[in-house]
Amino acid sequence: MPARRGSQKWIQVAVNERPEVLRRALQAAGAVAPRATISWVSPLADRYAEYRDEAFLQKLGLELKARPLSSFWPARGPVWDGLARTSDDEYVLVEAKAHIAEMVSPASKASPASLAKIERALKETRDALAPKTTISWSGTFYQITNRLAHLYLLRTLNRINARLVFLYFVGDEDVGGPVSRAEWDGAIRVTEAYLGVGRHRLSSFVHHAFIDVKELGA
């Protein structure tokens, strides 16, 4: 059903009611080529469904042959706010946020066996992207690091043309969100510095896009 507030509401509005606004934001962020078209598969207005685990791969029409998802990450992995394919044969995974507190997440509450698999995947990803840091990636910014891990799984381990988009909504007064892009930029810099990912081997495929909710009819 339709969301009533926050980032879930705005990604639904953007995908289903203001796709041109969303396309411009992704193009400005470098996530989509200027002449490319976008085919969204989630969240669509039929059920506004969001997907995780093998379901998100199926919605994108992907099969991980070199390194299967099940060997990398346990069940009940990240739920993707938005999923799309482009006319350039690229795959876009979106994590949306409407207020800065969403950037901070609790550590994983997985079972011991699942947590061990998560820790291995995060360490492998961290060693590839931020080899100089020893900060645990399963703590404060776990929601961000698990998305980076999935990009690593797709892009590096399976050679799939995937892009990860962090989509930030500006001016969401209902949730006390940032009123300017500058506020988001500051939070992003702090997060990247903490995780050691200011610049890394997949930086070109991680994008930060911004939409003022006024453009979505707020």
N, C-alpha and C. Protein backbone atom coordinates (compact mmCIF):
# COMPACT_ATOMS: atom_id res chain seq x y z
N MET A 1 0.84 -1.19 0.00
CA MET A 1 0.00 0.00 0.00
C MET A 1 0.88 1.25 0.00
N PRO A 2 0.34 2.39 -0.39
CA PRO A 2 1.15 3.60 -0.45
C PRO A 2 1.67 4.01 0.93
N ALA A 3 2.92 4.45 0.97
CA ALA A 3 3.49 4.95 2.22
C ALA A 3 2.96 6.36 2.48
N ARG A 4 2.90 6.74 3.73
CA ARG A 4 2.32 8.04 4.09
C ARG A 4 3.35 9.12 4.34
N ARG A 5 4.59 8.71 4.61
CA ARG A 5 5.60 9.73 4.93
C ARG A 5 7.00 9.19 4.70
N GLY A 6 7.95 10.11 4.75
CA GLY A 6 9.35 9.75 4.69
C GLY A 6 9.84 9.30 3.33
N SER A 7 11.01 8.72 3.31
CA SER A 7 11.66 8.33 2.07
C SER A 7 10.86 7.30 1.29
N GLN A 8 10.17 6.42 1.99
CA GLN A 8 9.37 5.41 1.28
C GLN A 8 8.25 6.07 0.49
N LYS A 9 7.63 7.07 1.07
CA LYS A 9 6.58 7.81 0.35
C LYS A 9 7.16 8.50 -0.88
N TRP A 10 8.28 9.18 -0.72
CA TRP A 10 8.79 9.99 -1.82
C TRP A 10 9.37 9.16 -2.96
N ILE A 11 9.96 8.01 -2.65
CA ILE A 11 10.43 7.17 -3.76
C ILE A 11 9.25 6.61 -4.53
N GLN A 12 8.17 6.31 -3.85
CA GLN A 12 6.96 5.85 -4.54
C GLN A 12 6.41 6.95 -5.45
N VAL A 13 6.36 8.16 -4.95
CA VAL A 13 5.87 9.29 -5.76
C VAL A 13 6.79 9.52 -6.94
N ALA A 14 8.09 9.50 -6.70
CA ALA A 14 9.05 9.79 -7.76
C ALA A 14 8.97 8.77 -8.89
N VAL A 15 8.92 7.49 -8.53
CA VAL A 15 8.89 6.43 -9.54
C VAL A 15 7.59 6.44 -10.33
N ASN A 16 6.47 6.61 -9.64
CA ASN A 16 5.17 6.42 -10.28
C ASN A 16 4.50 7.70 -10.78
N GLU A 17 4.83 8.84 -10.19
CA GLU A 17 4.15 10.07 -10.56
C GLU A 17 5.07 11.13 -11.14
N ARG A 18 6.34 11.13 -10.79
CA ARG A 18 7.27 12.14 -11.27
C ARG A 18 8.56 11.50 -11.79
N PRO A 19 8.43 10.53 -12.72
CA PRO A 19 9.63 9.82 -13.18
C PRO A 19 10.65 10.72 -13.87
N GLU A 20 10.19 11.82 -14.48
CA GLU A 20 11.14 12.71 -15.15
C GLU A 20 12.00 13.46 -14.13
N VAL A 21 11.40 13.82 -13.01
CA VAL A 21 12.17 14.46 -11.94
C VAL A 21 13.23 13.49 -11.43
N LEU A 22 12.85 12.25 -11.24
CA LEU A 22 13.79 11.24 -10.77
C LEU A 22 14.87 10.97 -11.80
N ARG A 23 14.50 10.89 -13.07
CA ARG A 23 15.49 10.67 -14.13
C ARG A 23 16.51 11.79 -14.16
N ARG A 24 16.06 13.03 -14.04
CA ARG A 24 17.01 14.16 -14.05
C ARG A 24 17.96 14.10 -12.86
N ALA A 25 17.45 13.71 -11.71
CA ALA A 25 18.31 13.62 -10.53
C ALA A 25 19.37 12.54 -10.71
N LEU A 26 18.98 11.40 -11.27
CA LEU A 26 19.94 10.32 -11.50
C LEU A 26 20.95 10.70 -12.57
N GLN A 27 20.51 11.41 -13.58
CA GLN A 27 21.44 11.86 -14.61
C GLN A 27 22.43 12.88 -14.05
N ALA A 28 21.93 13.79 -13.22
CA ALA A 28 22.82 14.79 -12.61
C ALA A 28 23.86 14.13 -11.72
N ALA A 29 23.50 13.01 -11.12
CA ALA A 29 24.43 12.29 -10.26
C ALA A 29 25.37 11.38 -11.03
N GLY A 30 25.16 11.23 -12.34
CA GLY A 30 25.99 10.38 -13.15
C GLY A 30 25.61 8.91 -13.12
N ALA A 31 24.45 8.62 -12.53
CA ALA A 31 24.01 7.23 -12.43
C ALA A 31 23.38 6.72 -13.71
N VAL A 32 22.87 7.63 -14.53
CA VAL A 32 22.21 7.27 -15.78
C VAL A 32 22.73 8.19 -16.88
N ALA A 33 23.04 7.62 -18.02
CA ALA A 33 23.56 8.40 -19.15
C ALA A 33 22.50 9.37 -19.66
N PRO A 34 22.91 10.50 -20.23
CA PRO A 34 21.96 11.54 -20.66
C PRO A 34 20.85 11.05 -21.57
N ARG A 35 21.15 10.12 -22.47
CA ARG A 35 20.14 9.67 -23.43
C ARG A 35 19.50 8.34 -23.07
N ALA A 36 19.87 7.81 -21.93
CA ALA A 36 19.34 6.50 -21.53
C ALA A 36 17.91 6.64 -20.99
N THR A 37 17.12 5.62 -21.21
CA THR A 37 15.80 5.55 -20.61
C THR A 37 15.84 4.57 -19.44
N ILE A 38 14.90 4.74 -18.52
CA ILE A 38 14.88 3.94 -17.30
C ILE A 38 13.57 3.16 -17.23
N SER A 39 13.68 1.88 -16.92
CA SER A 39 12.50 1.04 -16.70
C SER A 39 12.50 0.60 -15.23
N TRP A 40 11.59 1.17 -14.48
CA TRP A 40 11.51 0.84 -13.06
C TRP A 40 10.73 -0.45 -12.85
N VAL A 41 11.25 -1.29 -11.98
CA VAL A 41 10.54 -2.52 -11.63
C VAL A 41 10.07 -2.50 -10.18
N SER A 42 10.49 -1.50 -9.43
CA SER A 42 10.07 -1.35 -8.03
C SER A 42 10.46 0.04 -7.54
N PRO A 43 9.59 0.68 -6.74
CA PRO A 43 8.26 0.25 -6.28
C PRO A 43 7.18 0.71 -7.26
N LEU A 44 6.44 -0.20 -7.81
CA LEU A 44 5.40 0.13 -8.77
C LEU A 44 4.05 0.23 -8.08
N ALA A 45 3.17 1.04 -8.68
CA ALA A 45 1.92 1.42 -8.02
C ALA A 45 0.91 0.28 -7.89
N ASP A 46 1.20 -0.88 -8.49
CA ASP A 46 0.25 -1.98 -8.31
C ASP A 46 0.19 -2.44 -6.85
N ARG A 47 1.40 -2.63 -6.25
CA ARG A 47 1.44 -3.04 -4.84
C ARG A 47 2.49 -2.26 -4.05
N TYR A 48 3.24 -1.42 -4.74
CA TYR A 48 4.36 -0.69 -4.13
C TYR A 48 5.34 -1.65 -3.46
N ALA A 49 5.50 -2.82 -4.04
CA ALA A 49 6.35 -3.84 -3.42
C ALA A 49 7.83 -3.45 -3.51
N GLU A 50 8.57 -3.80 -2.46
CA GLU A 50 10.02 -3.68 -2.44
C GLU A 50 10.59 -5.08 -2.29
N TYR A 51 11.82 -5.30 -2.77
CA TYR A 51 12.33 -6.66 -2.88
C TYR A 51 13.69 -6.83 -2.21
N ARG A 52 13.95 -8.07 -1.83
CA ARG A 52 15.22 -8.42 -1.19
C ARG A 52 15.61 -9.82 -1.65
N ASP A 53 16.82 -10.23 -1.29
CA ASP A 53 17.31 -11.59 -1.55
C ASP A 53 17.16 -11.97 -3.03
N GLU A 54 16.83 -13.21 -3.32
CA GLU A 54 16.73 -13.65 -4.71
C GLU A 54 15.64 -12.90 -5.47
N ALA A 55 14.62 -12.40 -4.75
CA ALA A 55 13.50 -11.71 -5.41
C ALA A 55 13.98 -10.45 -6.12
N PHE A 56 14.92 -9.71 -5.55
CA PHE A 56 15.37 -8.49 -6.22
C PHE A 56 16.17 -8.83 -7.48
N LEU A 57 16.90 -9.92 -7.44
CA LEU A 57 17.62 -10.35 -8.64
C LEU A 57 16.65 -10.78 -9.73
N GLN A 58 15.61 -11.50 -9.34
CA GLN A 58 14.61 -11.94 -10.31
C GLN A 58 13.90 -10.76 -10.96
N LYS A 59 13.57 -9.76 -10.17
CA LYS A 59 12.89 -8.58 -10.72
C LYS A 59 13.76 -7.86 -11.74
N LEU A 60 15.06 -7.92 -11.55
CA LEU A 60 15.98 -7.29 -12.50
C LEU A 60 16.38 -8.23 -13.63
N GLY A 61 15.96 -9.48 -13.55
CA GLY A 61 16.32 -10.45 -14.57
C GLY A 61 17.77 -10.88 -14.50
N LEU A 62 18.32 -10.95 -13.29
CA LEU A 62 19.73 -11.27 -13.11
C LEU A 62 19.93 -12.67 -12.53
N GLU A 63 21.02 -13.29 -12.96
CA GLU A 63 21.46 -14.56 -12.40
C GLU A 63 22.94 -14.43 -12.07
N LEU A 64 23.29 -14.69 -10.82
CA LEU A 64 24.68 -14.57 -10.40
C LEU A 64 25.38 -15.91 -10.57
N LYS A 65 26.10 -16.05 -11.65
CA LYS A 65 26.71 -17.34 -11.97
C LYS A 65 28.09 -17.52 -11.33
N ALA A 66 28.87 -16.44 -11.28
CA ALA A 66 30.22 -16.57 -10.74
C ALA A 66 30.23 -16.72 -9.23
N ARG A 67 29.41 -15.93 -8.56
CA ARG A 67 29.32 -15.96 -7.10
C ARG A 67 27.86 -15.76 -6.72
N PRO A 68 27.13 -16.83 -6.40
CA PRO A 68 25.71 -16.71 -6.07
C PRO A 68 25.49 -15.89 -4.80
N LEU A 69 24.34 -15.25 -4.74
CA LEU A 69 23.99 -14.45 -3.57
C LEU A 69 23.98 -15.30 -2.31
N SER A 70 23.46 -16.53 -2.40
CA SER A 70 23.33 -17.38 -1.21
C SER A 70 24.68 -17.75 -0.60
N SER A 71 25.75 -17.74 -1.42
CA SER A 71 27.07 -18.07 -0.90
C SER A 71 27.76 -16.85 -0.29
N PHE A 72 27.19 -15.68 -0.54
CA PHE A 72 27.80 -14.43 -0.09
C PHE A 72 27.07 -13.83 1.10
N TRP A 73 25.74 -13.91 1.08
CA TRP A 73 24.93 -13.21 2.08
C TRP A 73 23.77 -14.11 2.51
N PRO A 74 23.41 -14.10 3.80
CA PRO A 74 22.30 -14.95 4.25
C PRO A 74 20.94 -14.39 3.84
N ALA A 75 19.91 -15.17 4.05
CA ALA A 75 18.55 -14.73 3.77
C ALA A 75 18.19 -13.53 4.63
N ARG A 76 17.18 -12.80 4.18
CA ARG A 76 16.71 -11.58 4.84
C ARG A 76 17.76 -10.49 4.79
N GLY A 77 18.28 -10.30 3.58
CA GLY A 77 19.25 -9.25 3.34
C GLY A 77 18.58 -7.90 3.12
N PRO A 78 19.30 -6.93 2.57
CA PRO A 78 18.77 -5.58 2.38
C PRO A 78 17.50 -5.56 1.53
N VAL A 79 16.57 -4.72 1.93
CA VAL A 79 15.37 -4.46 1.13
C VAL A 79 15.65 -3.21 0.31
N TRP A 80 15.49 -3.32 -1.01
CA TRP A 80 15.83 -2.21 -1.89
C TRP A 80 14.64 -1.27 -2.09
N ASP A 81 14.88 0.03 -1.89
CA ASP A 81 13.82 1.03 -2.03
C ASP A 81 13.40 1.20 -3.49
N GLY A 82 14.33 1.02 -4.41
CA GLY A 82 14.02 1.15 -5.82
C GLY A 82 14.92 0.27 -6.66
N LEU A 83 14.38 -0.27 -7.74
CA LEU A 83 15.14 -1.12 -8.66
C LEU A 83 14.77 -0.75 -10.08
N ALA A 84 15.78 -0.67 -10.95
CA ALA A 84 15.50 -0.30 -12.33
C ALA A 84 16.55 -0.87 -13.28
N ARG A 85 16.16 -0.98 -14.54
CA ARG A 85 17.07 -1.29 -15.63
C ARG A 85 17.09 -0.09 -16.57
N THR A 86 18.21 0.11 -17.25
CA THR A 86 18.29 1.21 -18.21
C THR A 86 18.47 0.66 -19.62
N SER A 87 18.26 1.54 -20.59
CA SER A 87 18.41 1.14 -21.99
C SER A 87 19.87 0.89 -22.35
N ASP A 88 20.79 1.22 -21.45
CA ASP A 88 22.22 0.94 -21.64
C ASP A 88 22.62 -0.39 -21.01
N ASP A 89 21.61 -1.20 -20.65
CA ASP A 89 21.87 -2.50 -20.03
C ASP A 89 22.61 -2.36 -18.70
N GLU A 90 22.21 -1.37 -17.93
CA GLU A 90 22.74 -1.22 -16.58
C GLU A 90 21.60 -1.40 -15.58
N TYR A 91 22.00 -1.74 -14.36
CA TYR A 91 21.03 -2.06 -13.32
C TYR A 91 21.23 -1.08 -12.16
N VAL A 92 20.14 -0.47 -11.73
CA VAL A 92 20.20 0.59 -10.72
C VAL A 92 19.53 0.11 -9.44
N LEU A 93 20.28 0.16 -8.34
CA LEU A 93 19.77 -0.20 -7.02
C LEU A 93 19.73 1.06 -6.18
N VAL A 94 18.56 1.35 -5.61
CA VAL A 94 18.37 2.62 -4.91
C VAL A 94 18.11 2.41 -3.42
N GLU A 95 18.83 3.18 -2.62
CA GLU A 95 18.58 3.30 -1.19
C GLU A 95 18.19 4.76 -0.94
N ALA A 96 16.97 4.99 -0.48
CA ALA A 96 16.45 6.36 -0.33
C ALA A 96 16.44 6.79 1.13
N LYS A 97 16.65 8.10 1.34
CA LYS A 97 16.66 8.65 2.69
C LYS A 97 16.02 10.04 2.69
N ALA A 98 15.28 10.33 3.77
CA ALA A 98 14.62 11.64 3.88
C ALA A 98 15.11 12.44 5.07
N HIS A 99 15.79 11.79 6.03
CA HIS A 99 16.37 12.55 7.14
C HIS A 99 17.67 11.89 7.56
N ILE A 100 18.54 12.69 8.15
CA ILE A 100 19.92 12.27 8.40
C ILE A 100 19.99 11.07 9.34
N ALA A 101 19.05 10.97 10.26
CA ALA A 101 19.08 9.84 11.19
C ALA A 101 19.00 8.50 10.47
N GLU A 102 18.46 8.48 9.25
CA GLU A 102 18.38 7.23 8.48
C GLU A 102 19.75 6.72 8.07
N MET A 103 20.77 7.59 8.12
CA MET A 103 22.11 7.16 7.74
C MET A 103 22.74 6.31 8.83
N VAL A 104 22.22 6.42 10.04
CA VAL A 104 22.74 5.66 11.17
C VAL A 104 21.80 4.49 11.42
N SER A 105 22.34 3.31 11.49
CA SER A 105 21.51 2.14 11.68
C SER A 105 22.13 1.24 12.74
N PRO A 106 21.32 0.48 13.43
CA PRO A 106 21.87 -0.45 14.42
C PRO A 106 22.61 -1.59 13.74
N ALA A 107 23.43 -2.26 14.52
CA ALA A 107 24.15 -3.42 13.99
C ALA A 107 23.16 -4.52 13.62
N SER A 108 23.61 -5.43 12.80
CA SER A 108 22.76 -6.53 12.39
C SER A 108 22.31 -7.36 13.59
N LYS A 109 21.04 -7.80 13.54
CA LYS A 109 20.49 -8.65 14.59
C LYS A 109 20.33 -10.09 14.09
N ALA A 110 21.14 -10.47 13.13
CA ALA A 110 21.06 -11.80 12.55
C ALA A 110 21.47 -12.87 13.56
N SER A 111 21.09 -14.09 13.26
CA SER A 111 21.49 -15.23 14.08
C SER A 111 23.00 -15.39 14.01
N PRO A 112 23.60 -16.13 14.94
CA PRO A 112 25.06 -16.30 14.92
C PRO A 112 25.60 -16.82 13.58
N ALA A 113 24.93 -17.80 13.00
CA ALA A 113 25.42 -18.35 11.72
C ALA A 113 25.31 -17.32 10.61
N SER A 114 24.18 -16.61 10.56
CA SER A 114 23.99 -15.59 9.53
C SER A 114 24.94 -14.43 9.75
N LEU A 115 25.14 -14.06 11.01
CA LEU A 115 26.05 -12.95 11.31
C LEU A 115 27.47 -13.28 10.88
N ALA A 116 27.88 -14.51 11.04
CA ALA A 116 29.22 -14.92 10.62
C ALA A 116 29.39 -14.75 9.11
N LYS A 117 28.34 -15.11 8.36
CA LYS A 117 28.41 -14.95 6.91
C LYS A 117 28.44 -13.47 6.53
N ILE A 118 27.63 -12.67 7.21
CA ILE A 118 27.61 -11.23 6.96
C ILE A 118 28.98 -10.63 7.25
N GLU A 119 29.57 -11.00 8.37
CA GLU A 119 30.89 -10.47 8.74
C GLU A 119 31.93 -10.81 7.69
N ARG A 120 31.87 -12.04 7.16
CA ARG A 120 32.83 -12.43 6.12
C ARG A 120 32.64 -11.59 4.86
N ALA A 121 31.37 -11.39 4.47
CA ALA A 121 31.10 -10.61 3.27
C ALA A 121 31.52 -9.16 3.44
N LEU A 122 31.23 -8.59 4.61
CA LEU A 122 31.61 -7.19 4.85
C LEU A 122 33.12 -7.04 4.91
N LYS A 123 33.81 -7.99 5.51
CA LYS A 123 35.27 -7.90 5.56
C LYS A 123 35.86 -8.02 4.16
N GLU A 124 35.33 -8.94 3.37
CA GLU A 124 35.82 -9.07 2.00
C GLU A 124 35.61 -7.77 1.22
N THR A 125 34.44 -7.18 1.39
CA THR A 125 34.15 -5.92 0.70
C THR A 125 35.03 -4.80 1.21
N ARG A 126 35.16 -4.70 2.53
CA ARG A 126 36.00 -3.66 3.12
C ARG A 126 37.45 -3.80 2.68
N ASP A 127 37.96 -5.03 2.64
CA ASP A 127 39.35 -5.23 2.20
C ASP A 127 39.55 -4.81 0.76
N ALA A 128 38.48 -4.95 -0.06
CA ALA A 128 38.58 -4.57 -1.47
C ALA A 128 38.43 -3.06 -1.66
N LEU A 129 37.55 -2.45 -0.88
CA LEU A 129 37.24 -1.03 -1.10
C LEU A 129 37.97 -0.08 -0.16
N ALA A 130 38.23 -0.51 1.04
CA ALA A 130 38.85 0.37 2.03
C ALA A 130 39.89 -0.41 2.83
N PRO A 131 40.95 -0.89 2.18
CA PRO A 131 41.91 -1.78 2.83
C PRO A 131 42.69 -1.15 3.98
N LYS A 132 42.69 0.17 4.07
CA LYS A 132 43.47 0.83 5.11
C LYS A 132 42.70 0.99 6.43
N THR A 133 41.40 0.73 6.40
CA THR A 133 40.61 0.91 7.61
C THR A 133 40.39 -0.41 8.33
N THR A 134 40.26 -0.33 9.66
CA THR A 134 39.97 -1.51 10.46
C THR A 134 38.63 -1.37 11.17
N ILE A 135 37.88 -0.31 10.85
CA ILE A 135 36.58 -0.08 11.46
C ILE A 135 35.62 -1.22 11.08
N SER A 136 34.87 -1.71 12.05
CA SER A 136 33.89 -2.75 11.76
C SER A 136 32.79 -2.18 10.86
N TRP A 137 32.46 -2.90 9.81
CA TRP A 137 31.41 -2.47 8.89
C TRP A 137 30.04 -3.04 9.27
N SER A 138 29.96 -3.71 10.40
CA SER A 138 28.66 -4.26 10.81
C SER A 138 28.04 -3.45 11.94
N GLY A 139 28.57 -2.25 12.17
CA GLY A 139 28.10 -1.43 13.26
C GLY A 139 27.24 -0.26 12.84
N THR A 140 27.66 0.95 13.19
CA THR A 140 26.86 2.16 13.09
C THR A 140 26.26 2.41 11.72
N PHE A 141 27.03 2.20 10.66
CA PHE A 141 26.55 2.50 9.32
C PHE A 141 26.29 1.22 8.52
N TYR A 142 25.78 0.22 9.21
CA TYR A 142 25.56 -1.09 8.60
C TYR A 142 24.63 -1.01 7.38
N GLN A 143 23.63 -0.15 7.42
CA GLN A 143 22.71 -0.05 6.28
C GLN A 143 23.42 0.43 5.03
N ILE A 144 24.46 1.21 5.20
CA ILE A 144 25.25 1.69 4.06
C ILE A 144 26.23 0.62 3.61
N THR A 145 26.92 -0.01 4.55
CA THR A 145 27.94 -0.98 4.17
C THR A 145 27.33 -2.23 3.54
N ASN A 146 26.13 -2.63 3.98
CA ASN A 146 25.58 -3.83 3.35
C ASN A 146 25.15 -3.55 1.91
N ARG A 147 24.80 -2.31 1.62
CA ARG A 147 24.51 -1.94 0.22
C ARG A 147 25.78 -1.95 -0.61
N LEU A 148 26.87 -1.43 -0.04
CA LEU A 148 28.15 -1.47 -0.75
C LEU A 148 28.58 -2.91 -1.00
N ALA A 149 28.31 -3.79 -0.05
CA ALA A 149 28.68 -5.20 -0.21
C ALA A 149 27.91 -5.82 -1.37
N HIS A 150 26.66 -5.48 -1.52
CA HIS A 150 25.88 -6.03 -2.62
C HIS A 150 26.34 -5.46 -3.97
N LEU A 151 26.73 -4.20 -3.99
CA LEU A 151 27.30 -3.66 -5.23
C LEU A 151 28.59 -4.41 -5.57
N TYR A 152 29.42 -4.66 -4.58
CA TYR A 152 30.66 -5.42 -4.79
C TYR A 152 30.36 -6.81 -5.33
N LEU A 153 29.34 -7.46 -4.77
CA LEU A 153 28.95 -8.79 -5.24
C LEU A 153 28.55 -8.75 -6.72
N LEU A 154 27.75 -7.77 -7.07
CA LEU A 154 27.28 -7.69 -8.46
C LEU A 154 28.38 -7.23 -9.40
N ARG A 155 29.00 -6.13 -9.05
CA ARG A 155 29.91 -5.46 -10.00
C ARG A 155 31.27 -6.15 -10.08
N THR A 156 31.85 -6.48 -8.95
CA THR A 156 33.20 -7.03 -8.94
C THR A 156 33.21 -8.55 -9.09
N LEU A 157 32.39 -9.21 -8.31
CA LEU A 157 32.44 -10.67 -8.29
C LEU A 157 31.67 -11.31 -9.44
N ASN A 158 30.66 -10.61 -9.97
CA ASN A 158 29.85 -11.19 -11.05
C ASN A 158 29.88 -10.39 -12.36
N ARG A 159 30.63 -9.31 -12.38
CA ARG A 159 30.81 -8.52 -13.60
C ARG A 159 29.48 -8.04 -14.20
N ILE A 160 28.58 -7.65 -13.33
CA ILE A 160 27.28 -7.13 -13.76
C ILE A 160 27.31 -5.61 -13.70
N ASN A 161 26.76 -4.97 -14.71
CA ASN A 161 26.80 -3.50 -14.80
C ASN A 161 25.79 -2.87 -13.84
N ALA A 162 26.11 -2.97 -12.56
CA ALA A 162 25.23 -2.43 -11.53
C ALA A 162 25.73 -1.09 -11.02
N ARG A 163 24.78 -0.27 -10.61
CA ARG A 163 25.08 1.01 -9.99
C ARG A 163 24.26 1.16 -8.72
N LEU A 164 24.89 1.70 -7.69
CA LEU A 164 24.24 1.92 -6.41
C LEU A 164 23.96 3.41 -6.27
N VAL A 165 22.70 3.75 -6.01
CA VAL A 165 22.31 5.15 -5.85
C VAL A 165 21.78 5.37 -4.44
N PHE A 166 22.40 6.30 -3.73
CA PHE A 166 21.83 6.81 -2.49
C PHE A 166 21.04 8.06 -2.87
N LEU A 167 19.73 7.98 -2.70
CA LEU A 167 18.83 9.05 -3.11
C LEU A 167 18.37 9.82 -1.87
N TYR A 168 18.69 11.11 -1.84
CA TYR A 168 18.40 11.93 -0.67
C TYR A 168 17.30 12.94 -1.00
N PHE A 169 16.27 12.96 -0.18
CA PHE A 169 15.19 13.91 -0.37
C PHE A 169 15.43 15.13 0.52
N VAL A 170 15.26 16.29 -0.07
CA VAL A 170 15.49 17.57 0.62
C VAL A 170 14.15 18.22 0.94
N GLY A 171 14.04 18.75 2.16
CA GLY A 171 12.88 19.55 2.52
C GLY A 171 11.67 18.79 3.00
N ASP A 172 11.86 17.57 3.49
CA ASP A 172 10.73 16.80 4.02
C ASP A 172 10.47 17.25 5.46
N GLU A 173 9.60 18.23 5.62
CA GLU A 173 9.32 18.79 6.94
C GLU A 173 8.63 17.80 7.87
N ASP A 174 7.88 16.88 7.31
CA ASP A 174 7.14 15.92 8.14
C ASP A 174 8.06 15.06 8.99
N VAL A 175 9.26 14.79 8.49
CA VAL A 175 10.20 13.95 9.25
C VAL A 175 11.41 14.75 9.73
N GLY A 176 11.35 16.07 9.60
CA GLY A 176 12.46 16.90 10.04
C GLY A 176 13.71 16.72 9.23
N GLY A 177 13.54 16.51 7.93
CA GLY A 177 14.68 16.27 7.05
C GLY A 177 15.47 17.52 6.72
N PRO A 178 16.68 17.35 6.17
CA PRO A 178 17.51 18.49 5.77
C PRO A 178 16.77 19.42 4.81
N VAL A 179 16.99 20.71 4.97
CA VAL A 179 16.34 21.70 4.11
C VAL A 179 17.24 22.11 2.95
N SER A 180 18.45 21.57 2.90
CA SER A 180 19.36 21.91 1.80
C SER A 180 20.24 20.71 1.48
N ARG A 181 20.76 20.72 0.27
CA ARG A 181 21.70 19.65 -0.13
C ARG A 181 22.97 19.73 0.71
N ALA A 182 23.35 20.94 1.11
CA ALA A 182 24.59 21.11 1.88
C ALA A 182 24.56 20.28 3.17
N GLU A 183 23.40 20.20 3.80
CA GLU A 183 23.29 19.39 5.02
C GLU A 183 23.56 17.92 4.71
N TRP A 184 22.99 17.44 3.63
CA TRP A 184 23.23 16.05 3.22
C TRP A 184 24.71 15.85 2.90
N ASP A 185 25.30 16.80 2.16
CA ASP A 185 26.70 16.66 1.77
C ASP A 185 27.60 16.51 3.00
N GLY A 186 27.32 17.29 4.04
CA GLY A 186 28.12 17.20 5.26
C GLY A 186 28.01 15.83 5.90
N ALA A 187 26.80 15.31 5.97
CA ALA A 187 26.59 13.99 6.56
C ALA A 187 27.27 12.89 5.74
N ILE A 188 27.21 13.03 4.43
CA ILE A 188 27.86 12.05 3.55
C ILE A 188 29.37 12.04 3.77
N ARG A 189 29.96 13.22 3.87
CA ARG A 189 31.42 13.31 4.08
C ARG A 189 31.83 12.64 5.39
N VAL A 190 31.07 12.88 6.44
CA VAL A 190 31.38 12.27 7.74
C VAL A 190 31.30 10.75 7.65
N THR A 191 30.25 10.25 7.02
CA THR A 191 30.05 8.81 6.88
C THR A 191 31.18 8.18 6.08
N GLU A 192 31.51 8.78 4.95
CA GLU A 192 32.57 8.23 4.09
C GLU A 192 33.92 8.24 4.80
N ALA A 193 34.19 9.31 5.55
CA ALA A 193 35.46 9.38 6.28
C ALA A 193 35.53 8.30 7.34
N TYR A 194 34.45 8.08 8.05
CA TYR A 194 34.41 7.06 9.10
C TYR A 194 34.65 5.67 8.53
N LEU A 195 34.01 5.38 7.39
CA LEU A 195 34.12 4.06 6.78
C LEU A 195 35.38 3.89 5.92
N GLY A 196 36.03 5.01 5.61
CA GLY A 196 37.23 4.95 4.78
C GLY A 196 36.94 4.77 3.31
N VAL A 197 35.78 5.25 2.87
CA VAL A 197 35.39 5.05 1.47
C VAL A 197 35.22 6.37 0.72
N GLY A 198 36.04 7.35 1.08
CA GLY A 198 35.97 8.60 0.34
C GLY A 198 36.24 8.40 -1.14
N ARG A 199 37.19 7.53 -1.43
CA ARG A 199 37.49 7.16 -2.82
C ARG A 199 37.91 5.71 -2.84
N HIS A 200 37.31 4.91 -3.72
CA HIS A 200 37.62 3.49 -3.75
C HIS A 200 37.40 2.94 -5.15
N ARG A 201 37.63 1.67 -5.34
CA ARG A 201 37.63 1.08 -6.68
C ARG A 201 36.25 1.04 -7.31
N LEU A 202 35.18 1.17 -6.51
CA LEU A 202 33.83 1.20 -7.06
C LEU A 202 33.18 2.58 -6.96
N SER A 203 33.97 3.59 -6.64
CA SER A 203 33.42 4.94 -6.48
C SER A 203 32.65 5.41 -7.70
N SER A 204 33.11 5.03 -8.88
CA SER A 204 32.46 5.49 -10.12
C SER A 204 31.06 4.91 -10.28
N PHE A 205 30.73 3.92 -9.46
CA PHE A 205 29.43 3.25 -9.58
C PHE A 205 28.56 3.45 -8.33
N VAL A 206 29.01 4.35 -7.47
CA VAL A 206 28.22 4.75 -6.30
C VAL A 206 27.85 6.22 -6.48
N HIS A 207 26.56 6.50 -6.46
CA HIS A 207 26.08 7.84 -6.79
C HIS A 207 25.21 8.42 -5.69
N HIS A 208 25.33 9.73 -5.52
CA HIS A 208 24.53 10.46 -4.54
C HIS A 208 23.62 11.42 -5.31
N ALA A 209 22.34 11.14 -5.28
CA ALA A 209 21.35 11.94 -6.02
C ALA A 209 20.45 12.67 -5.03
N PHE A 210 19.96 13.84 -5.45
CA PHE A 210 19.18 14.70 -4.56
C PHE A 210 17.92 15.19 -5.25
N ILE A 211 16.80 15.16 -4.51
CA ILE A 211 15.53 15.68 -5.03
C ILE A 211 14.86 16.50 -3.93
N ASP A 212 14.50 17.73 -4.27
CA ASP A 212 13.70 18.54 -3.35
C ASP A 212 12.25 18.05 -3.45
N VAL A 213 11.64 17.79 -2.31
CA VAL A 213 10.29 17.23 -2.34
C VAL A 213 9.28 18.20 -2.97
N LYS A 214 9.63 19.47 -3.08
CA LYS A 214 8.74 20.41 -3.78
C LYS A 214 8.58 20.02 -5.24
N GLU A 215 9.63 19.42 -5.81
CA GLU A 215 9.56 18.98 -7.19
C GLU A 215 8.62 17.78 -7.36
N LEU A 216 8.28 17.14 -6.26
CA LEU A 216 7.42 15.98 -6.30
C LEU A 216 5.99 16.32 -5.89
N GLY A 217 5.74 17.62 -5.73
CA GLY A 217 4.39 18.05 -5.43
C GLY A 217 4.09 18.20 -3.95
N ALA A 218 5.14 18.29 -3.12
CA ALA A 218 4.93 18.44 -1.68
C ALA A 218 4.27 19.78 -1.38
